[in-house]
Structure formats: C-alpha cells, structure tokens
C-alpha cells in the first residue's frame, strides 16, 4: 500500500523512537500490553481485542477519567510485520461497512503506521486518512497531534521499561 498524503484530508505524525521496529510492532500487536500505553493519560484503554489479519477485528474501549466508555471497532487492512500496520474505523471485521457515526467521537478514518529503521532506533510515521476536509478538521480539533504524540511518548516509556 503506497500512501500519497493530501494535507487537506490527512494528518501526519512523525517521531524517532529509540526502539527497534520489531519492538514497536510487537507493542502494537499485543492486546494486553496496548492497554498500558495506547490512550493519552489520564484516559485509559480498558479493553482490547485483536484478530491480526486482513479483515480481522481491532477493538478497543477508551475510558475517560470520569468513567465514560468509548468503544471503537475497526478492521485491519494490511499487516507487514515490523514495517506497517493499516486499520480503519470505516469498516468492521470481515470488511463490512461501519455504521454511520452517531456522535462527535465516532470518527471514520484509516490509520497507517510505518516503521522504518533509523540510526537512533525507528522512524515512526502515523497517518490518519480522512474522507473529507471536515473529517480531518474534526480529528485535528479533537487533538490528533497532541493525543497521538502523547501516545508515542507513552509507548516509548513502555518500551524503555523493558516491555516488549
């Protein structure tokens, strides 16, 4: 899958992480460990299920500090070990179309995560692809850069504690 980023539709976060692509990929594909770092604190990921294959389920429940839960179900599109993960909220498991968004936290987008070896560890590139400019704008206003940046920091801390 080759991605051409469109700044009107897409959001991009790039970081250098002092860990190997293998360590990062394993962290992204471990439903138990992902609960420790996947959601920007003080929010939490309280549930996670993964069926790591194209068409497989990616399910998580994020919980606010007040205890409100936000379930998210998506579908994996592509998994290239230690290099790339692609999933979408626009499809449910089995490539079935997702229901129309019901509220402001129901955002349809496709996430692409690239992991490339780098002299300092791994170049980590996360891309959120949106259907239209409004979707990109909403996601950006929800705190894409801050939230996804915080998640990268939490992932880095998780890996530095020897969790792999």
Protein backbone atom coordinates (compact mmCIF):
# COMPACT_ATOMS: atom_id res chain seq x y z
CA UNK A 1 0.00 0.00 0.00
CA UNK A 2 1.59 3.24 -1.15
CA UNK A 3 0.26 6.37 0.56
CA UNK A 4 0.20 9.80 -1.03
CA UNK A 5 -0.53 12.24 1.77
CA UNK A 6 -3.02 15.00 0.99
CA UNK A 7 -2.67 17.82 3.55
CA UNK A 8 -6.32 18.78 3.03
CA UNK A 9 -7.50 15.30 4.02
CA UNK A 10 -4.76 13.69 6.09
CA UNK A 11 -2.95 14.17 9.39
CA UNK A 12 0.64 13.01 9.87
CA UNK A 13 2.79 12.46 12.96
CA UNK A 14 6.47 11.55 12.62
CA UNK A 15 8.79 10.72 15.51
CA UNK A 16 12.08 8.95 16.08
CA UNK A 17 11.65 6.30 18.76
CA UNK A 18 14.70 4.77 20.48
CA UNK A 19 13.48 1.19 19.93
CA UNK A 20 13.60 -1.30 17.09
CA UNK A 21 10.79 -1.69 14.56
CA UNK A 22 10.30 -5.21 15.96
CA UNK A 23 9.74 -3.91 19.50
CA UNK A 24 7.27 -1.26 18.32
CA UNK A 25 5.37 -3.67 16.08
CA UNK A 26 5.08 -6.19 18.91
CA UNK A 27 3.77 -3.45 21.23
CA UNK A 28 1.15 -2.51 18.62
CA UNK A 29 0.04 -6.13 18.23
CA UNK A 30 -0.19 -7.14 21.90
CA UNK A 31 -3.77 -6.61 23.17
CA UNK A 32 -2.69 -6.92 26.83
CA UNK A 33 0.28 -4.54 26.65
CA UNK A 34 -1.50 -1.98 24.48
CA UNK A 35 -3.75 -1.15 27.44
CA UNK A 36 -0.72 0.37 29.19
CA UNK A 37 0.13 2.99 26.57
CA UNK A 38 -2.46 3.26 23.76
CA UNK A 39 -4.70 6.01 25.17
CA UNK A 40 -3.48 9.50 26.20
CA UNK A 41 -3.38 9.71 30.01
CA UNK A 42 -5.41 10.31 32.14
CA UNK A 43 -7.69 8.36 29.78
CA UNK A 44 -7.27 4.58 29.74
CA UNK A 45 -7.68 1.71 27.32
CA UNK A 46 -9.73 -0.73 29.38
CA UNK A 47 -10.45 -3.39 26.74
CA UNK A 48 -8.66 -4.52 23.60
CA UNK A 49 -9.20 -7.35 21.11
CA UNK A 50 -7.16 -8.06 18.02
CA UNK A 51 -7.51 -10.52 15.16
CA UNK A 52 -4.23 -9.82 13.39
CA UNK A 53 -5.09 -10.50 9.75
CA UNK A 54 -6.62 -8.51 6.88
CA UNK A 55 -10.33 -8.32 7.66
CA UNK A 56 -9.62 -9.03 11.31
CA UNK A 57 -11.03 -7.10 14.23
CA UNK A 58 -9.32 -4.23 16.04
CA UNK A 59 -11.46 -3.35 19.05
CA UNK A 60 -10.69 -1.06 21.96
CA UNK A 61 -12.61 0.69 24.69
CA UNK A 62 -11.26 4.04 25.87
CA UNK A 63 -12.40 5.31 29.24
CA UNK A 64 -12.44 8.95 30.32
CA UNK A 65 -11.22 9.99 33.78
CA UNK A 66 -14.91 10.31 34.74
CA UNK A 67 -15.54 6.66 33.78
CA UNK A 68 -17.36 7.22 30.48
CA UNK A 69 -16.52 4.46 27.98
CA UNK A 70 -16.00 4.87 24.24
CA UNK A 71 -15.87 1.59 22.28
CA UNK A 72 -14.16 1.58 18.89
CA UNK A 73 -14.36 -1.27 16.41
CA UNK A 74 -12.37 -1.38 13.22
CA UNK A 75 -10.85 -3.67 10.66
CA UNK A 76 -7.23 -4.45 9.82
CA UNK A 77 -6.45 -3.90 6.16
CA UNK A 78 -2.75 -4.74 5.99
CA UNK A 79 -0.12 -6.09 8.38
CA UNK A 80 3.53 -6.25 7.35
CA UNK A 81 5.49 -7.48 10.38
CA UNK A 82 7.94 -4.88 11.71
CA UNK A 83 7.14 -2.43 8.88
CA UNK A 84 3.49 -1.45 8.59
CA UNK A 85 0.04 -1.68 10.16
CA UNK A 86 -3.10 -0.41 8.45
CA UNK A 87 -6.55 -0.41 10.01
CA UNK A 88 -9.76 1.53 9.55
CA UNK A 89 -12.80 2.54 11.52
CA UNK A 90 -14.72 2.82 8.23
CA UNK A 91 -15.02 -0.97 8.13
CA UNK A 92 -16.00 -3.56 10.69
CA UNK A 93 -14.38 -7.00 10.89
CA UNK A 94 -14.80 -9.00 7.69
CA UNK A 95 -14.62 -5.77 5.65
CA UNK A 96 -18.25 -4.91 6.46
CA UNK A 97 -19.10 -1.19 6.26
CA UNK A 98 -19.24 0.59 9.61
CA UNK A 99 -22.45 2.20 10.81
CA UNK A 100 -22.77 5.94 10.28
CA UNK A 101 -21.16 7.97 13.06
CA UNK A 102 -23.54 8.55 15.98
CA UNK A 103 -21.64 11.19 17.91
CA UNK A 104 -18.61 13.50 17.92
CA UNK A 105 -16.23 10.71 18.98
CA UNK A 106 -17.35 8.40 16.15
CA UNK A 107 -14.83 9.38 13.52
CA UNK A 108 -14.31 7.36 10.37
CA UNK A 109 -10.71 7.27 9.21
CA UNK A 110 -7.97 4.91 8.10
CA UNK A 111 -4.74 4.75 10.11
CA UNK A 112 -1.43 3.82 8.53
CA UNK A 113 1.60 3.18 10.72
CA UNK A 114 5.03 2.93 9.07
CA UNK A 115 8.09 1.71 10.96
CA UNK A 116 11.48 2.33 9.35
CA UNK A 117 14.92 1.55 10.76
CA UNK A 118 16.77 4.69 11.76
CA UNK A 119 20.26 5.24 13.25
CA UNK A 120 18.60 6.31 16.53
CA UNK A 121 16.02 3.49 16.54
CA UNK A 122 12.89 3.71 14.41
CA UNK A 123 11.28 6.39 12.30
CA UNK A 124 7.63 6.12 13.34
CA UNK A 125 5.13 7.64 10.91
CA UNK A 126 1.42 7.62 11.72
CA UNK A 127 -1.01 8.86 9.07
CA UNK A 128 -4.74 9.36 9.56
CA UNK A 129 -6.58 9.36 6.22
CA UNK A 130 -9.98 11.07 6.13
CA UNK A 131 -12.82 11.05 3.63
CA UNK A 132 -13.15 14.82 3.54
CA UNK A 133 -11.69 18.05 4.88
CA UNK A 134 -14.34 18.24 7.60
CA UNK A 135 -13.32 14.84 8.99
CA UNK A 136 -9.65 15.88 9.04
CA UNK A 137 -10.54 19.15 10.73
CA UNK A 138 -12.66 17.44 13.41
CA UNK A 139 -9.90 14.92 14.11
CA UNK A 140 -7.31 17.69 14.34
CA UNK A 141 -9.54 19.70 16.71
CA UNK A 142 -10.07 16.57 18.84
CA UNK A 143 -6.32 16.73 19.47
CA UNK A 144 -4.76 14.40 16.91
CA UNK A 145 -1.23 15.78 17.19
CA UNK A 146 -1.26 16.19 20.96
CA UNK A 147 -3.03 12.88 21.64
CA UNK A 148 -1.13 10.73 19.18
CA UNK A 149 2.10 12.47 20.24
CA UNK A 150 1.35 11.63 23.88
CA UNK A 151 0.66 8.02 22.89
CA UNK A 152 4.08 7.83 21.18
CA UNK A 153 5.67 9.16 24.38
CA UNK A 154 3.79 6.59 26.46
CA UNK A 155 4.80 3.83 24.00
CA UNK A 156 8.44 4.94 24.28
CA UNK A 157 8.24 4.84 28.09
CA UNK A 158 6.55 1.43 27.98
CA UNK A 159 9.33 0.03 25.78
CA UNK A 160 12.06 1.64 27.91
CA UNK A 161 10.75 -0.31 30.92
CA UNK A 162 11.64 -3.47 29.05
CA UNK A 163 8.13 -4.33 27.92
CA UNK A 164 8.34 -5.95 24.51
